[in-house]
Amino acid sequence: MPSDPPLPLSFSLSELAGSLGDFGTIIPLILAVALVSDVDPRYILLFFGIWFILTGLYYRLPIPLEPMKAIAVVVIAAGATGGISAGEIAIAGLILGAVFLVLGYGHFFAVIERWVPQSVVRGIQLGLALLLFRSSAVFIIRDPLFFGIGIVIILGFLLLVQYRGVPDLSSICVIGAGLVGGILLYGIPPISLIPAPQLVIPSLSDVAPALSDLVLPQMVLTVANAILATALLTKDLFGKDVPPKKFSTTIGLMNLTSVPFGGFPMCHGAGGLAAQYRYGARTGGANVYAGLIFITLALFFTSPQVLSIIAVGVLGALLVFVGIEMGRHSLKTDSMLVTVVIGLLALVSSITLAFIVGMVVAYLIPKIKKSGTIA
């Protein structure tokens, strides 16, 4: 039986506008990670660009790529207390890449979906949102003026999007304002071509902290949001049934091939898909546009000297709105008690402990209700 013909690609202005739809999440997370850790943003953006193009050509739909949010938020939150090394980030990405490549085969996702309650996933999302708010406070205190400028720009675009239907370019404009402010204060930095990527070799001592602090919380979020929710939304928006295991396979491949050379752990995301669709993306052409933009930024405009002059207050503004978006989705829970417990524990202790406690509470509540202890 002949296979279906490949879906057509469009390179219209609408696709270009849609390609920018998720930049408000991707760019502030990448820049914040780069500012608080020893990772090089040029390689992060380079591999994002490469895989955006490959994903668009493969799926022929605007399937987004995003930094693995749990890892990004933990790295940002740890920046003020010594930080997480590039080796820990790399080993976490390699472990997750291998795991999701394996999960791409068989019927693992049917089992996983039954095992992890929705309220636990929402709790992890709430905890990440609270951690983002805490991290943004550091940038706000350091640079309140440009935080205010960033907030005004973002709110202005929210009104333009709502009443004029223009694409949300707030993240680009906010970062541009931060660059202009930095240039006025520190002068124009040198801009140089990106050097060839070098292999990142983690040490054995990186494995244990990566597993506890990065891999476990990210695995839960990736399964729920980047794979299961993205597959469901793809069917809702485009009428295309993309099996979750297919998303798992591409997540595995992109991490195993990019993280060892300085890339940041990546995944898909239902929120990013909704954002790109909202602003006009309908085909994989939007991904090709996004990939070309990221590669251009990586090659010419993201040297460490350029990033060092960004007024950090604008990153605080962007992170606040990323946190609001993540927190908003966390409220779509079937057990507010479980979600809030996990969120608060993630804020005051760790995401790993919050996940474990949340799983216990989520499974205990139905038994307690059944026994009549809870009305």
Protein backbone atom coordinates (compact mmCIF):
# COMPACT_ATOMS: atom_id res chain seq x y z
CA MET A 1 0.00 0.00 0.00
CA PRO A 2 1.60 3.35 -0.99
CA SER A 3 2.47 5.76 1.81
CA ASP A 4 0.80 9.15 2.07
CA PRO A 5 2.56 11.92 0.13
CA PRO A 6 4.59 14.32 2.28
CA LEU A 7 2.77 17.39 3.52
CA PRO A 8 3.66 20.58 1.61
CA LEU A 9 5.88 23.25 3.13
CA SER A 10 4.92 26.92 3.01
CA PHE A 11 7.31 29.86 3.37
CA SER A 12 4.78 32.68 3.57
CA LEU A 13 4.93 35.72 5.84
CA SER A 14 2.38 33.98 8.05
CA GLU A 15 4.80 31.09 8.55
CA LEU A 16 7.57 33.58 9.36
CA ALA A 17 5.38 35.28 11.96
CA GLY A 18 4.44 31.90 13.43
CA SER A 19 8.09 30.86 13.62
CA LEU A 20 8.63 33.60 16.21
CA GLY A 21 5.70 32.48 18.35
CA ASP A 22 7.72 30.55 20.92
CA PHE A 23 10.78 32.80 21.00
CA GLY A 24 9.46 34.44 24.18
CA THR A 25 10.03 31.16 26.01
CA ILE A 26 13.15 29.90 24.26
CA ILE A 27 15.34 33.00 24.19
CA PRO A 28 15.05 34.18 27.82
CA LEU A 29 15.69 30.66 29.12
CA ILE A 30 18.78 30.23 26.91
CA LEU A 31 20.21 33.63 27.80
CA ALA A 32 19.52 33.23 31.51
CA VAL A 33 21.18 29.78 31.51
CA ALA A 34 24.19 31.24 29.69
CA LEU A 35 24.54 34.09 32.18
CA VAL A 36 24.53 31.90 35.30
CA SER A 37 26.46 28.85 34.03
CA ASP A 38 29.54 27.99 31.97
CA VAL A 39 27.63 26.80 28.89
CA ASP A 40 28.21 28.65 25.60
CA PRO A 41 24.98 30.09 24.13
CA ARG A 42 26.40 30.00 20.60
CA TYR A 43 26.36 26.22 20.49
CA ILE A 44 22.96 26.06 22.17
CA LEU A 45 21.49 28.29 19.46
CA LEU A 46 23.41 26.51 16.68
CA PHE A 47 21.99 23.10 17.52
CA PHE A 48 18.55 24.57 18.11
CA GLY A 49 18.73 25.97 14.59
CA ILE A 50 19.89 22.71 13.04
CA TRP A 51 17.21 20.65 14.75
CA PHE A 52 14.45 23.18 14.08
CA ILE A 53 15.13 22.74 10.37
CA LEU A 54 15.40 18.94 10.57
CA THR A 55 12.20 18.71 12.62
CA GLY A 56 10.30 20.89 10.18
CA LEU A 57 11.46 18.82 7.22
CA TYR A 58 10.71 15.54 9.01
CA TYR A 59 7.26 16.25 10.47
CA ARG A 60 6.28 18.84 7.83
CA LEU A 61 4.37 20.53 10.68
CA PRO A 62 5.43 23.37 13.03
CA ILE A 63 6.50 20.99 15.81
CA PRO A 64 8.49 23.23 18.17
CA LEU A 65 11.72 22.74 20.04
CA GLU A 66 12.30 24.16 23.50
CA PRO A 67 15.00 23.95 26.15
CA MET A 68 14.15 21.23 28.65
CA LYS A 69 12.46 23.56 31.11
CA ALA A 70 13.07 21.66 34.34
CA ILE A 71 16.80 21.54 33.62
CA ALA A 72 16.87 25.19 32.55
CA VAL A 73 14.99 26.40 35.62
CA VAL A 74 17.14 24.35 38.02
CA VAL A 75 20.30 25.68 36.35
CA ILE A 76 19.03 29.27 36.58
CA ALA A 77 17.90 28.83 40.20
CA ALA A 78 21.26 27.29 41.17
CA GLY A 79 23.21 30.12 39.54
CA ALA A 80 23.21 32.24 42.68
CA THR A 81 24.61 29.40 44.84
CA GLY A 82 27.55 28.13 42.84
CA GLY A 83 25.76 26.86 39.76
CA ILE A 84 25.52 23.60 37.86
CA SER A 85 28.44 22.63 35.63
CA ALA A 86 28.37 22.06 31.88
CA GLY A 87 29.35 18.45 32.62
CA GLU A 88 26.23 17.88 34.74
CA ILE A 89 24.05 19.42 32.04
CA ALA A 90 25.72 17.28 29.37
CA ILE A 91 25.36 13.99 31.26
CA ALA A 92 21.71 14.79 32.03
CA GLY A 93 21.06 15.41 28.35
CA LEU A 94 22.82 12.19 27.34
CA ILE A 95 20.90 10.11 29.88
CA LEU A 96 17.58 11.63 28.83
CA GLY A 97 18.46 11.24 25.16
CA ALA A 98 19.17 7.54 25.62
CA VAL A 99 16.04 7.01 27.74
CA PHE A 100 13.69 8.69 25.26
CA LEU A 101 15.25 6.94 22.31
CA VAL A 102 14.48 3.62 24.03
CA LEU A 103 11.00 4.79 25.03
CA GLY A 104 10.31 5.49 21.38
CA TYR A 105 9.85 1.76 20.85
CA GLY A 106 7.09 -0.51 22.15
CA HIS A 107 4.15 0.54 24.34
CA PHE A 108 5.96 2.34 27.13
CA PHE A 109 3.87 5.50 26.90
CA ALA A 110 0.58 3.75 27.55
CA VAL A 111 2.03 2.47 30.83
CA ILE A 112 3.65 5.80 31.78
CA GLU A 113 0.45 7.74 31.18
CA ARG A 114 -1.43 5.51 33.61
CA TRP A 115 1.30 5.58 36.25
CA VAL A 116 1.93 9.34 36.66
CA PRO A 117 -1.17 11.27 37.81
CA GLN A 118 -1.98 14.51 36.04
CA SER A 119 -1.88 16.45 39.30
CA VAL A 120 1.78 15.47 39.82
CA VAL A 121 2.76 16.81 36.41
CA ARG A 122 0.87 20.03 37.10
CA GLY A 123 2.67 20.29 40.44
CA ILE A 124 6.05 20.07 38.72
CA GLN A 125 4.92 22.86 36.39
CA LEU A 126 3.87 25.00 39.37
CA GLY A 127 7.18 24.38 41.12
CA LEU A 128 9.11 25.43 38.01
CA ALA A 129 7.02 28.60 37.76
CA LEU A 130 7.77 29.49 41.38
CA LEU A 131 11.48 28.85 40.85
CA LEU A 132 11.41 31.14 37.80
CA PHE A 133 9.81 33.91 39.86
CA ARG A 134 12.50 33.52 42.51
CA SER A 135 15.27 33.58 39.91
CA SER A 136 13.84 36.63 38.15
CA ALA A 137 13.93 38.53 41.44
CA VAL A 138 17.75 38.47 41.34
CA PHE A 139 17.77 40.16 37.93
CA ILE A 140 15.10 42.65 39.01
CA ILE A 141 17.05 43.75 42.09
CA ARG A 142 20.23 44.18 40.04
CA ASP A 143 18.56 46.23 37.31
CA PRO A 144 15.10 47.60 38.18
CA LEU A 145 15.13 50.26 35.41
CA PHE A 146 15.40 47.83 32.52
CA PHE A 147 13.05 45.42 34.27
CA GLY A 148 10.44 48.17 34.10
CA ILE A 149 11.25 48.87 30.45
CA GLY A 150 10.91 45.16 29.67
CA ILE A 151 7.54 44.94 31.42
CA VAL A 152 6.21 47.94 29.47
CA ILE A 153 7.31 46.40 26.14
CA ILE A 154 5.77 43.01 26.93
CA LEU A 155 2.48 44.53 28.08
CA GLY A 156 2.42 46.72 24.98
CA PHE A 157 2.75 43.68 22.74
CA LEU A 158 0.04 41.85 24.68
CA LEU A 159 -2.32 44.70 23.77
CA LEU A 160 -1.15 44.75 20.15
CA VAL A 161 -1.63 41.00 19.83
CA GLN A 162 -5.08 41.19 21.40
CA TYR A 163 -6.44 44.17 19.48
CA ARG A 164 -4.35 44.43 16.31
CA GLY A 165 -3.48 40.79 15.58
CA VAL A 166 0.26 41.46 15.21
CA PRO A 167 2.74 38.68 16.04
CA ASP A 168 4.20 38.75 19.53
CA LEU A 169 7.74 40.00 19.00
CA SER A 170 8.08 41.16 22.59
CA SER A 171 11.04 38.93 23.46
CA ILE A 172 13.05 40.20 20.48
CA CYS A 173 12.23 43.82 21.31
CA VAL A 174 12.96 43.36 25.02
CA ILE A 175 16.32 41.74 24.35
CA GLY A 176 17.05 44.45 21.78
CA ALA A 177 16.32 47.08 24.45
CA GLY A 178 18.64 45.26 26.83
CA LEU A 179 21.40 45.25 24.21
CA VAL A 180 20.95 48.95 23.45
CA GLY A 181 21.08 49.75 27.15
CA GLY A 182 24.22 47.67 27.58
CA ILE A 183 25.90 49.34 24.59
CA LEU A 184 25.09 52.80 25.98
CA LEU A 185 26.64 51.80 29.30
CA TYR A 186 29.62 49.68 28.18
CA GLY A 187 30.20 50.40 24.48
CA ILE A 188 30.00 48.13 21.44
CA PRO A 189 31.52 44.68 22.08
CA PRO A 190 33.55 42.80 19.45
CA ILE A 191 31.55 40.39 17.30
CA SER A 192 33.37 37.29 16.08
CA LEU A 193 32.50 34.12 14.20
CA ILE A 194 31.63 31.04 16.23
CA PRO A 195 34.53 28.61 16.70
CA ALA A 196 34.15 24.90 15.96
CA PRO A 197 32.28 22.99 18.71
CA GLN A 198 34.39 21.02 21.15
CA LEU A 199 33.40 17.77 22.81
CA VAL A 200 31.99 18.18 26.34
CA ILE A 201 33.27 15.28 28.45
CA PRO A 202 31.42 14.87 31.77
CA SER A 203 33.14 13.30 34.76
CA LEU A 204 31.82 10.43 36.87
CA SER A 205 31.20 12.88 39.71
CA ASP A 206 28.63 14.66 37.53
CA VAL A 207 26.37 11.60 37.24
CA ALA A 208 24.79 11.51 40.73
CA PRO A 209 23.80 15.20 40.97
CA ALA A 210 22.58 15.19 37.37
CA LEU A 211 20.30 12.22 38.07
CA SER A 212 18.77 13.67 41.23
CA ASP A 213 18.57 17.35 40.32
CA LEU A 214 18.00 17.32 36.57
CA VAL A 215 17.01 13.96 35.05
CA LEU A 216 14.10 12.88 37.25
CA PRO A 217 12.08 16.14 37.26
CA GLN A 218 12.74 16.68 33.56
CA MET A 219 11.69 13.15 32.63
CA VAL A 220 8.26 13.66 34.18
CA LEU A 221 7.75 17.00 32.46
CA THR A 222 8.99 15.75 29.07
CA VAL A 223 6.73 12.70 29.06
CA ALA A 224 3.66 14.71 30.01
CA ASN A 225 4.11 18.01 28.21
CA ALA A 226 6.65 17.51 25.43
CA ILE A 227 5.32 14.16 24.23
CA LEU A 228 1.79 13.23 25.34
CA ALA A 229 0.35 16.77 25.32
CA THR A 230 2.11 17.68 22.06
CA ALA A 231 0.75 14.57 20.33
CA LEU A 232 -2.78 15.41 21.49
CA LEU A 233 -2.54 19.05 20.41
CA THR A 234 -1.11 18.09 17.01
CA LYS A 235 -4.23 16.03 16.39
CA ASP A 236 -6.49 18.84 17.64
CA LEU A 237 -4.89 21.57 15.51
CA PHE A 238 -3.93 19.73 12.32
CA GLY A 239 -5.95 16.52 12.36
CA LYS A 240 -2.69 14.56 12.15
CA ASP A 241 -2.15 11.56 14.41
CA VAL A 242 1.54 11.64 15.35
CA PRO A 243 2.28 8.77 17.78
CA PRO A 244 3.87 9.89 21.07
CA LYS A 245 6.71 7.43 20.56
CA LYS A 246 7.68 9.31 17.40
CA PHE A 247 8.19 12.50 19.42
CA SER A 248 10.15 10.48 21.96
CA THR A 249 12.46 9.19 19.24
CA THR A 250 13.28 12.64 17.86
CA ILE A 251 13.90 13.96 21.39
CA GLY A 252 16.33 11.11 21.95
CA LEU A 253 18.17 11.69 18.68
CA MET A 254 18.46 15.46 19.02
CA ASN A 255 19.96 15.22 22.50
CA LEU A 256 22.38 12.40 21.77
CA THR A 257 23.76 14.25 18.76
CA SER A 258 23.92 17.83 20.08
CA VAL A 259 24.48 17.77 23.86
CA PRO A 260 28.00 16.24 23.63
CA PHE A 261 29.08 19.22 21.50
CA GLY A 262 27.75 21.99 23.72
CA GLY A 263 24.05 21.90 22.89
CA PHE A 264 21.49 22.27 25.67
CA PRO A 265 18.98 19.45 26.35
CA MET A 266 15.96 19.95 24.07
CA CYS A 267 12.44 18.63 23.74
CA HIS A 268 9.16 19.42 22.02
CA GLY A 269 6.36 21.27 23.82
CA ALA A 270 2.60 21.68 23.64
CA GLY A 271 2.84 25.32 24.72
CA GLY A 272 5.30 26.09 21.94
CA LEU A 273 3.09 24.37 19.37
CA ALA A 274 0.09 26.43 20.50
CA ALA A 275 2.16 29.64 20.35
CA GLN A 276 3.48 28.98 16.84
CA TYR A 277 0.02 28.02 15.58
CA ARG A 278 -1.55 31.09 17.16
CA TYR A 279 0.74 33.45 15.24
CA GLY A 280 0.33 31.79 11.84
CA ALA A 281 2.47 28.62 11.62
CA ARG A 282 0.73 25.84 9.70
CA THR A 283 3.58 23.86 8.11
CA GLY A 284 7.18 22.87 8.72
CA GLY A 285 8.21 26.00 6.84
CA ALA A 286 7.86 27.91 10.13
CA ASN A 287 10.46 25.60 11.67
CA VAL A 288 12.83 26.20 8.77
CA TYR A 289 12.49 29.96 9.31
CA ALA A 290 13.12 29.57 13.05
CA GLY A 291 16.14 27.36 12.40
CA LEU A 292 17.71 29.87 10.02
CA ILE A 293 17.18 32.66 12.55
CA PHE A 294 18.83 30.66 15.35
CA ILE A 295 21.78 29.64 13.18
CA THR A 296 22.33 33.27 12.15
CA LEU A 297 22.25 34.38 15.79
CA ALA A 298 24.67 31.62 16.74
CA LEU A 299 27.18 32.37 13.99
CA PHE A 300 27.35 36.14 14.31
CA PHE A 301 25.51 37.71 17.22
CA THR A 302 25.86 35.72 20.45
CA SER A 303 29.49 35.87 21.45
CA PRO A 304 30.06 35.86 25.24
CA GLN A 305 31.10 39.53 24.93
CA VAL A 306 27.75 40.44 23.38
CA LEU A 307 25.77 38.59 26.05
CA SER A 308 27.79 40.14 28.85
CA ILE A 309 26.46 43.63 28.09
CA ILE A 310 22.74 42.76 28.08
CA ALA A 311 20.94 44.75 30.76
CA VAL A 312 19.88 41.87 33.01
CA GLY A 313 16.68 43.57 34.12
CA VAL A 314 15.06 42.70 30.78
CA LEU A 315 15.75 39.01 31.42
CA GLY A 316 13.96 39.36 34.73
CA ALA A 317 10.95 40.75 32.87
CA LEU A 318 10.95 37.92 30.33
CA LEU A 319 11.32 35.24 33.00
CA VAL A 320 8.36 36.66 34.94
CA PHE A 321 6.10 36.14 31.93
CA VAL A 322 7.54 32.68 31.21
CA GLY A 323 6.74 31.82 34.84
CA ILE A 324 3.21 33.20 34.52
CA GLU A 325 2.58 31.08 31.40
CA MET A 326 3.89 27.94 33.09
CA GLY A 327 1.98 28.65 36.29
CA ARG A 328 -1.23 29.21 34.36
CA HIS A 329 -1.06 25.73 32.87
CA SER A 330 -0.30 24.22 36.28
CA LEU A 331 -3.75 25.30 37.53
CA LYS A 332 -5.46 22.92 35.06
CA THR A 333 -5.17 20.16 37.63
CA ASP A 334 -7.50 17.49 38.90
CA SER A 335 -6.17 17.82 42.47
CA MET A 336 -5.17 21.30 43.63
CA LEU A 337 -3.91 19.85 46.93
CA VAL A 338 -1.35 17.60 45.24
CA THR A 339 -0.30 20.31 42.80
CA VAL A 340 0.21 22.97 45.49
CA VAL A 341 2.12 20.58 47.79
CA ILE A 342 4.51 19.69 44.98
CA GLY A 343 4.91 23.32 43.89
CA LEU A 344 5.77 24.57 47.38
CA LEU A 345 8.12 21.67 48.09
CA ALA A 346 9.92 22.31 44.81
CA LEU A 347 10.40 25.93 45.84
CA VAL A 348 11.72 25.28 49.36
CA SER A 349 13.55 21.97 48.86
CA SER A 350 14.01 20.21 45.50
CA ILE A 351 11.95 19.10 42.53
CA THR A 352 13.01 15.50 43.11
CA LEU A 353 11.71 15.44 46.69
CA ALA A 354 8.57 17.26 45.58
CA PHE A 355 7.94 14.64 42.89
CA ILE A 356 8.36 11.73 45.32
CA VAL A 357 6.14 13.29 47.99
CA GLY A 358 3.59 14.28 45.35
CA MET A 359 3.36 10.73 44.00
CA VAL A 360 2.77 9.39 47.50
CA VAL A 361 0.11 12.01 48.26
CA ALA A 362 -1.59 11.51 44.89
CA TYR A 363 -1.97 7.77 45.49
CA LEU A 364 -2.97 8.15 49.16
CA ILE A 365 -5.77 10.66 48.64
CA PRO A 366 -8.17 8.27 46.82
CA LYS A 367 -7.62 5.64 49.54
CA ILE A 368 -8.25 8.16 52.31
CA LYS A 369 -11.39 9.42 50.57
CA LYS A 370 -12.60 5.85 50.14
CA SER A 371 -12.15 5.15 53.83
CA GLY A 372 -14.16 8.24 54.68
CA THR A 373 -11.38 10.20 56.39
CA ILE A 374 -11.73 13.04 53.87
CA ALA A 375 -15.24 14.20 53.16
